[in-house]
Amino acid sequence: MEEKMSEISDAAISAAEETIITQTSTFIHWVKSLLTWENLFKVIGAVIILLAMWIVYKIILRSIKKVPLEKTNEHKQQIAVKFVKYIFYISVVVYVLGLFGVKLSAIWGAAGIAGVAIGFAAQTSVSNVISGLFVLTERSLKVGDTIIVNGITGVVDTISLLSVRVHTFDNQMVRIPNSTIINSNLTNNSYHDKRRITLGVSI
């Protein structure tokens, strides 16, 4: 009985060793097939193109940030910077996928199906993103404005696609979802240069 068990174990060990050797040789052969001059030139070309895209991206960002605030404002600069960032990231992803031979038509089809599923699963986030587009394009507030939303009073620090961050007068950071800003009454105390202040004086 012990001899049979030892024979079975020896056979299993030898089979496992043969499988490992076969898989290793297959992997080495696959790696060697990739190490060709053609693939090397493709990698170098891809790196050069990605580096050029990154340089152009940085130059555009610096050009936007160098625009004097007299001609624009911080809010418009933030919108332009975010727009350039999104375009850059999308371009890099599309280019890298193209290098791997991924068909974009199949991705758009899958994205449409996945978008429906994600839309049901993340209705709040999608609502905030859509509301963020309205907040950015409506220009009802900008960075540095003092706003009042749902009883929260603060100075706007950042405006993004999901939320608006403000700091209150006691220096607390408050994150306000964009859907709340769209669905609530927004009071912007800094929208006009002049405003009336009503004070009650007891006599």
C-alpha atoms as a PDB file:
ATOM      1  CA  MET A   1       0.000   0.000   0.000  1.00  0.00           C
ATOM      2  CA  GLU A   2       2.795   2.373   0.921  1.00  0.00           C
ATOM      3  CA  GLU A   3       4.600   1.543  -2.321  1.00  0.00           C
ATOM      4  CA  LYS A   4       1.475   2.424  -4.343  1.00  0.00           C
ATOM      5  CA  MET A   5       1.074   5.695  -2.472  1.00  0.00           C
ATOM      6  CA  SER A   6       4.715   6.591  -3.087  1.00  0.00           C
ATOM      7  CA  GLU A   7       4.348   5.742  -6.772  1.00  0.00           C
ATOM      8  CA  ILE A   8       1.238   7.940  -7.032  1.00  0.00           C
ATOM      9  CA  SER A   9       2.970  10.824  -5.264  1.00  0.00           C
ATOM     10  CA  ASP A  10       6.050  10.480  -7.465  1.00  0.00           C
ATOM     11  CA  ALA A  11       3.854  10.478 -10.565  1.00  0.00           C
ATOM     12  CA  ALA A  12       1.994  13.580  -9.364  1.00  0.00           C
ATOM     13  CA  ILE A  13       5.257  15.388  -8.609  1.00  0.00           C
ATOM     14  CA  SER A  14       6.710  14.508 -12.002  1.00  0.00           C
ATOM     15  CA  ALA A  15       3.509  15.615 -13.752  1.00  0.00           C
ATOM     16  CA  ALA A  16       3.552  18.904 -11.857  1.00  0.00           C
ATOM     17  CA  GLU A  17       7.202  19.446 -12.758  1.00  0.00           C
ATOM     18  CA  GLU A  18       6.492  18.761 -16.418  1.00  0.00           C
ATOM     19  CA  THR A  19       3.569  21.205 -16.361  1.00  0.00           C
ATOM     20  CA  ILE A  20       5.700  23.914 -14.748  1.00  0.00           C
ATOM     21  CA  ILE A  21       8.499  23.354 -17.256  1.00  0.00           C
ATOM     22  CA  THR A  22       6.036  23.490 -20.148  1.00  0.00           C
ATOM     23  CA  GLN A  23       4.370  26.679 -18.893  1.00  0.00           C
ATOM     24  CA  THR A  24       7.746  28.310 -18.200  1.00  0.00           C
ATOM     25  CA  SER A  25       9.069  27.470 -21.668  1.00  0.00           C
ATOM     26  CA  THR A  26       5.835  28.785 -23.215  1.00  0.00           C
ATOM     27  CA  PHE A  27       6.148  32.037 -21.279  1.00  0.00           C
ATOM     28  CA  ILE A  28       9.802  32.444 -22.234  1.00  0.00           C
ATOM     29  CA  HIS A  29       8.935  31.791 -25.866  1.00  0.00           C
ATOM     30  CA  TRP A  30       6.164  34.414 -25.684  1.00  0.00           C
ATOM     31  CA  VAL A  31       8.535  36.967 -24.145  1.00  0.00           C
ATOM     32  CA  LYS A  32      11.130  36.275 -26.830  1.00  0.00           C
ATOM     33  CA  SER A  33       8.497  36.745 -29.535  1.00  0.00           C
ATOM     34  CA  LEU A  34       7.803  40.225 -28.133  1.00  0.00           C
ATOM     35  CA  LEU A  35      11.482  41.209 -28.052  1.00  0.00           C
ATOM     36  CA  THR A  36      11.761  42.223 -31.674  1.00  0.00           C
ATOM     37  CA  TRP A  37      13.108  45.358 -33.337  1.00  0.00           C
ATOM     38  CA  GLU A  38       9.654  46.201 -34.641  1.00  0.00           C
ATOM     39  CA  ASN A  39       8.103  46.120 -31.173  1.00  0.00           C
ATOM     40  CA  LEU A  40      11.057  48.068 -29.776  1.00  0.00           C
ATOM     41  CA  PHE A  41      10.545  50.859 -32.319  1.00  0.00           C
ATOM     42  CA  LYS A  42       6.814  50.848 -31.544  1.00  0.00           C
ATOM     43  CA  VAL A  43       7.508  51.293 -27.827  1.00  0.00           C
ATOM     44  CA  ILE A  44       9.996  54.096 -28.466  1.00  0.00           C
ATOM     45  CA  GLY A  45       7.549  55.832 -30.813  1.00  0.00           C
ATOM     46  CA  ALA A  46       4.723  55.502 -28.274  1.00  0.00           C
ATOM     47  CA  VAL A  47       6.901  56.941 -25.496  1.00  0.00           C
ATOM     48  CA  ILE A  48       7.924  59.876 -27.710  1.00  0.00           C
ATOM     49  CA  ILE A  49       4.297  60.621 -28.646  1.00  0.00           C
ATOM     50  CA  LEU A  50       3.117  60.402 -25.018  1.00  0.00           C
ATOM     51  CA  LEU A  51       5.983  62.664 -23.953  1.00  0.00           C
ATOM     52  CA  ALA A  52       5.058  65.182 -26.661  1.00  0.00           C
ATOM     53  CA  MET A  53       1.407  65.097 -25.548  1.00  0.00           C
ATOM     54  CA  TRP A  54       2.481  65.686 -21.950  1.00  0.00           C
ATOM     55  CA  ILE A  55       4.701  68.638 -22.948  1.00  0.00           C
ATOM     56  CA  VAL A  56       1.895  70.239 -24.978  1.00  0.00           C
ATOM     57  CA  TYR A  57      -0.473  69.667 -22.054  1.00  0.00           C
ATOM     58  CA  LYS A  58       1.896  71.408 -19.610  1.00  0.00           C
ATOM     59  CA  ILE A  59       2.482  74.308 -22.015  1.00  0.00           C
ATOM     60  CA  ILE A  60      -1.274  74.858 -22.382  1.00  0.00           C
ATOM     61  CA  LEU A  61      -1.756  74.766 -18.594  1.00  0.00           C
ATOM     62  CA  ARG A  62       1.024  77.304 -18.059  1.00  0.00           C
ATOM     63  CA  SER A  63      -0.422  79.553 -20.760  1.00  0.00           C
ATOM     64  CA  ILE A  64      -3.829  79.467 -19.074  1.00  0.00           C
ATOM     65  CA  LYS A  65      -2.371  80.222 -15.647  1.00  0.00           C
ATOM     66  CA  LYS A  66      -0.283  83.106 -17.038  1.00  0.00           C
ATOM     67  CA  VAL A  67      -3.367  84.966 -18.250  1.00  0.00           C
ATOM     68  CA  PRO A  68      -3.693  88.025 -15.965  1.00  0.00           C
ATOM     69  CA  LEU A  69      -6.719  88.111 -13.686  1.00  0.00           C
ATOM     70  CA  GLU A  70      -7.657  91.508 -15.148  1.00  0.00           C
ATOM     71  CA  LYS A  71      -8.658  89.771 -18.398  1.00  0.00           C
ATOM     72  CA  THR A  72     -10.319  86.773 -16.722  1.00  0.00           C
ATOM     73  CA  ASN A  73     -11.056  85.457 -13.235  1.00  0.00           C
ATOM     74  CA  GLU A  74     -10.082  82.465 -11.131  1.00  0.00           C
ATOM     75  CA  HIS A  75     -13.369  80.692 -11.859  1.00  0.00           C
ATOM     76  CA  LYS A  76     -12.829  80.785 -15.636  1.00  0.00           C
ATOM     77  CA  GLN A  77      -9.242  79.652 -15.184  1.00  0.00           C
ATOM     78  CA  GLN A  78     -10.377  76.635 -13.163  1.00  0.00           C
ATOM     79  CA  ILE A  79     -12.935  75.686 -15.822  1.00  0.00           C
ATOM     80  CA  ALA A  80     -10.310  75.959 -18.585  1.00  0.00           C
ATOM     81  CA  VAL A  81      -7.746  73.939 -16.598  1.00  0.00           C
ATOM     82  CA  LYS A  82     -10.236  71.160 -15.866  1.00  0.00           C
ATOM     83  CA  PHE A  83     -11.374  71.067 -19.478  1.00  0.00           C
ATOM     84  CA  VAL A  84      -7.769  70.714 -20.701  1.00  0.00           C
ATOM     85  CA  LYS A  85      -7.107  67.982 -18.112  1.00  0.00           C
ATOM     86  CA  TYR A  86     -10.131  65.961 -19.204  1.00  0.00           C
ATOM     87  CA  ILE A  87      -9.162  66.271 -22.873  1.00  0.00           C
ATOM     88  CA  PHE A  88      -5.581  65.197 -22.091  1.00  0.00           C
ATOM     89  CA  TYR A  89      -6.607  62.143 -20.048  1.00  0.00           C
ATOM     90  CA  ILE A  90      -9.144  61.023 -22.641  1.00  0.00           C
ATOM     91  CA  SER A  91      -6.590  61.433 -25.456  1.00  0.00           C
ATOM     92  CA  VAL A  92      -3.976  59.383 -23.573  1.00  0.00           C
ATOM     93  CA  VAL A  93      -6.441  56.591 -22.800  1.00  0.00           C
ATOM     94  CA  VAL A  94      -7.683  56.444 -26.408  1.00  0.00           C
ATOM     95  CA  TYR A  95      -4.103  56.401 -27.764  1.00  0.00           C
ATOM     96  CA  VAL A  96      -2.940  53.656 -25.367  1.00  0.00           C
ATOM     97  CA  LEU A  97      -5.986  51.529 -26.156  1.00  0.00           C
ATOM     98  CA  GLY A  98      -5.257  51.990 -29.858  1.00  0.00           C
ATOM     99  CA  LEU A  99      -1.704  50.708 -29.302  1.00  0.00           C
ATOM    100  CA  PHE A 100      -3.069  47.483 -27.852  1.00  0.00           C
ATOM    101  CA  GLY A 101      -5.401  47.038 -30.808  1.00  0.00           C
ATOM    102  CA  VAL A 102      -8.570  47.701 -28.838  1.00  0.00           C
ATOM    103  CA  LYS A 103     -11.428  48.669 -31.132  1.00  0.00           C
ATOM    104  CA  LEU A 104     -13.069  51.875 -29.967  1.00  0.00           C
ATOM    105  CA  SER A 105     -16.400  50.944 -31.527  1.00  0.00           C
ATOM    106  CA  ALA A 106     -16.657  47.943 -29.212  1.00  0.00           C
ATOM    107  CA  ILE A 107     -15.728  50.145 -26.244  1.00  0.00           C
ATOM    108  CA  TRP A 108     -18.443  52.687 -27.055  1.00  0.00           C
ATOM    109  CA  GLY A 109     -21.000  49.892 -27.297  1.00  0.00           C
ATOM    110  CA  ALA A 110     -19.911  48.398 -24.002  1.00  0.00           C
ATOM    111  CA  ALA A 111     -19.783  51.851 -22.451  1.00  0.00           C
ATOM    112  CA  GLY A 112     -23.377  52.462 -23.481  1.00  0.00           C
ATOM    113  CA  ILE A 113     -24.546  49.261 -21.792  1.00  0.00           C
ATOM    114  CA  ALA A 114     -22.369  49.877 -18.737  1.00  0.00           C
ATOM    115  CA  GLY A 115     -23.527  53.479 -18.581  1.00  0.00           C
ATOM    116  CA  VAL A 116     -27.139  52.400 -18.171  1.00  0.00           C
ATOM    117  CA  ALA A 117     -26.218  50.021 -15.349  1.00  0.00           C
ATOM    118  CA  ILE A 118     -23.981  52.561 -13.640  1.00  0.00           C
ATOM    119  CA  GLY A 119     -26.636  55.236 -14.044  1.00  0.00           C
ATOM    120  CA  PHE A 120     -29.119  53.195 -12.014  1.00  0.00           C
ATOM    121  CA  ALA A 121     -26.488  52.280  -9.419  1.00  0.00           C
ATOM    122  CA  ALA A 122     -25.075  55.802  -9.010  1.00  0.00           C
ATOM    123  CA  GLN A 123     -27.998  58.133  -9.605  1.00  0.00           C
ATOM    124  CA  THR A 124     -26.792  60.593  -6.964  1.00  0.00           C
ATOM    125  CA  SER A 125     -23.302  60.917  -8.452  1.00  0.00           C
ATOM    126  CA  VAL A 126     -24.674  61.272 -11.987  1.00  0.00           C
ATOM    127  CA  SER A 127     -27.103  63.906 -10.751  1.00  0.00           C
ATOM    128  CA  ASN A 128     -24.226  65.816  -9.135  1.00  0.00           C
ATOM    129  CA  VAL A 129     -22.150  65.644 -12.343  1.00  0.00           C
ATOM    130  CA  ILE A 130     -25.029  66.947 -14.475  1.00  0.00           C
ATOM    131  CA  SER A 131     -25.748  69.632 -11.888  1.00  0.00           C
ATOM    132  CA  GLY A 132     -22.030  70.488 -11.869  1.00  0.00           C
ATOM    133  CA  LEU A 133     -22.170  71.225 -15.600  1.00  0.00           C
ATOM    134  CA  PHE A 134     -25.048  73.635 -14.971  1.00  0.00           C
ATOM    135  CA  VAL A 135     -23.184  75.267 -12.075  1.00  0.00           C
ATOM    136  CA  LEU A 136     -20.053  75.745 -14.194  1.00  0.00           C
ATOM    137  CA  THR A 137     -21.895  77.126 -17.224  1.00  0.00           C
ATOM    138  CA  GLU A 138     -24.515  79.178 -15.392  1.00  0.00           C
ATOM    139  CA  ARG A 139     -21.867  81.334 -13.693  1.00  0.00           C
ATOM    140  CA  SER A 140     -24.081  82.065 -10.720  1.00  0.00           C
ATOM    141  CA  LEU A 141     -21.055  81.749  -8.420  1.00  0.00           C
ATOM    142  CA  LYS A 142     -17.297  81.793  -8.671  1.00  0.00           C
ATOM    143  CA  VAL A 143     -14.278  81.210  -6.473  1.00  0.00           C
ATOM    144  CA  GLY A 144     -14.098  83.818  -3.714  1.00  0.00           C
ATOM    145  CA  ASP A 145     -17.854  84.536  -3.589  1.00  0.00           C
ATOM    146  CA  THR A 146     -19.747  84.442  -0.316  1.00  0.00           C
ATOM    147  CA  ILE A 147     -22.790  82.216  -0.752  1.00  0.00           C
ATOM    148  CA  ILE A 148     -25.660  80.901   1.355  1.00  0.00           C
ATOM    149  CA  VAL A 149     -27.102  77.437   0.595  1.00  0.00           C
ATOM    150  CA  ASN A 150     -29.480  75.594   2.940  1.00  0.00           C
ATOM    151  CA  GLY A 151     -28.475  77.805   5.838  1.00  0.00           C
ATOM    152  CA  ILE A 152     -24.732  77.326   5.187  1.00  0.00           C
ATOM    153  CA  THR A 153     -22.772  80.548   4.711  1.00  0.00           C
ATOM    154  CA  GLY A 154     -19.230  80.388   3.391  1.00  0.00           C
ATOM    155  CA  VAL A 155     -16.655  81.543   0.878  1.00  0.00           C
ATOM    156  CA  VAL A 156     -16.259  79.411  -2.262  1.00  0.00           C
ATOM    157  CA  ASP A 157     -12.874  77.677  -2.479  1.00  0.00           C
ATOM    158  CA  THR A 158     -13.295  75.222  -5.361  1.00  0.00           C
ATOM    159  CA  ILE A 159     -15.956  74.343  -7.915  1.00  0.00           C
ATOM    160  CA  SER A 160     -15.847  70.816  -9.350  1.00  0.00           C
ATOM    161  CA  LEU A 161     -18.187  68.542 -11.271  1.00  0.00           C
ATOM    162  CA  LEU A 162     -19.415  66.829  -8.096  1.00  0.00           C
ATOM    163  CA  SER A 163     -19.476  69.510  -5.441  1.00  0.00           C
ATOM    164  CA  VAL A 164     -18.608  73.023  -4.334  1.00  0.00           C
ATOM    165  CA  ARG A 165     -16.284  73.445  -1.371  1.00  0.00           C
ATOM    166  CA  VAL A 166     -16.635  76.477   0.873  1.00  0.00           C
ATOM    167  CA  HIS A 167     -15.070  77.558   4.134  1.00  0.00           C
ATOM    168  CA  THR A 168     -17.284  79.140   6.737  1.00  0.00           C
ATOM    169  CA  PHE A 169     -16.428  82.238   8.723  1.00  0.00           C
ATOM    170  CA  ASP A 170     -15.287  80.023  11.624  1.00  0.00           C
ATOM    171  CA  ASN A 171     -12.873  78.350   9.154  1.00  0.00           C
ATOM    172  CA  GLN A 172     -14.655  75.017   8.651  1.00  0.00           C
ATOM    173  CA  MET A 173     -14.664  73.281   5.281  1.00  0.00           C
ATOM    174  CA  VAL A 174     -18.127  72.385   3.994  1.00  0.00           C
ATOM    175  CA  ARG A 175     -18.736  70.282   0.881  1.00  0.00           C
ATOM    176  CA  ILE A 176     -22.006  71.120  -0.871  1.00  0.00           C
ATOM    177  CA  PRO A 177     -23.187  68.689  -3.595  1.00  0.00           C
ATOM    178  CA  ASN A 178     -24.000  70.382  -6.876  1.00  0.00           C
ATOM    179  CA  SER A 179     -27.473  68.843  -6.925  1.00  0.00           C
ATOM    180  CA  THR A 180     -28.199  70.668  -3.662  1.00  0.00           C
ATOM    181  CA  ILE A 181     -27.127  73.971  -5.205  1.00  0.00           C
ATOM    182  CA  ILE A 182     -29.328  73.414  -8.260  1.00  0.00           C
ATOM    183  CA  ASN A 183     -32.371  72.242  -6.281  1.00  0.00           C
ATOM    184  CA  SER A 184     -32.097  74.852  -3.505  1.00  0.00           C
ATOM    185  CA  ASN A 185     -32.232  78.620  -3.301  1.00  0.00           C
ATOM    186  CA  LEU A 186     -28.727  79.983  -3.750  1.00  0.00           C
ATOM    187  CA  THR A 187     -27.869  83.391  -2.320  1.00  0.00           C
ATOM    188  CA  ASN A 188     -24.665  84.949  -3.652  1.00  0.00           C
ATOM    189  CA  ASN A 189     -23.713  87.972  -1.554  1.00  0.00           C
ATOM    190  CA  SER A 190     -20.760  88.786  -3.833  1.00  0.00           C
ATOM    191  CA  TYR A 191     -22.527  88.626  -7.199  1.00  0.00           C
ATOM    192  CA  HIS A 192     -23.102  92.404  -7.375  1.00  0.00           C
ATOM    193  CA  ASP A 193     -20.591  95.072  -6.463  1.00  0.00           C
ATOM    194  CA  LYS A 194     -23.101  96.850  -4.220  1.00  0.00           C
ATOM    195  CA  ARG A 195     -25.858  95.470  -2.006  1.00  0.00           C
ATOM    196  CA  ARG A 196     -28.173  96.716   0.694  1.00  0.00           C
ATOM    197  CA  ILE A 197     -27.797  95.613   4.299  1.00  0.00           C
ATOM    198  CA  THR A 198     -30.798  95.877   6.593  1.00  0.00           C
ATOM    199  CA  LEU A 199     -30.037  96.323  10.294  1.00  0.00           C
ATOM    200  CA  GLY A 200     -32.604  96.295  13.062  1.00  0.00           C
ATOM    201  CA  VAL A 201     -31.960  98.978  15.659  1.00  0.00           C
ATOM    202  CA  SER A 202     -33.929  98.987  18.898  1.00  0.00           C
ATOM    203  CA  ILE A 203     -34.965 102.310  20.443  1.00  0.00           C
END
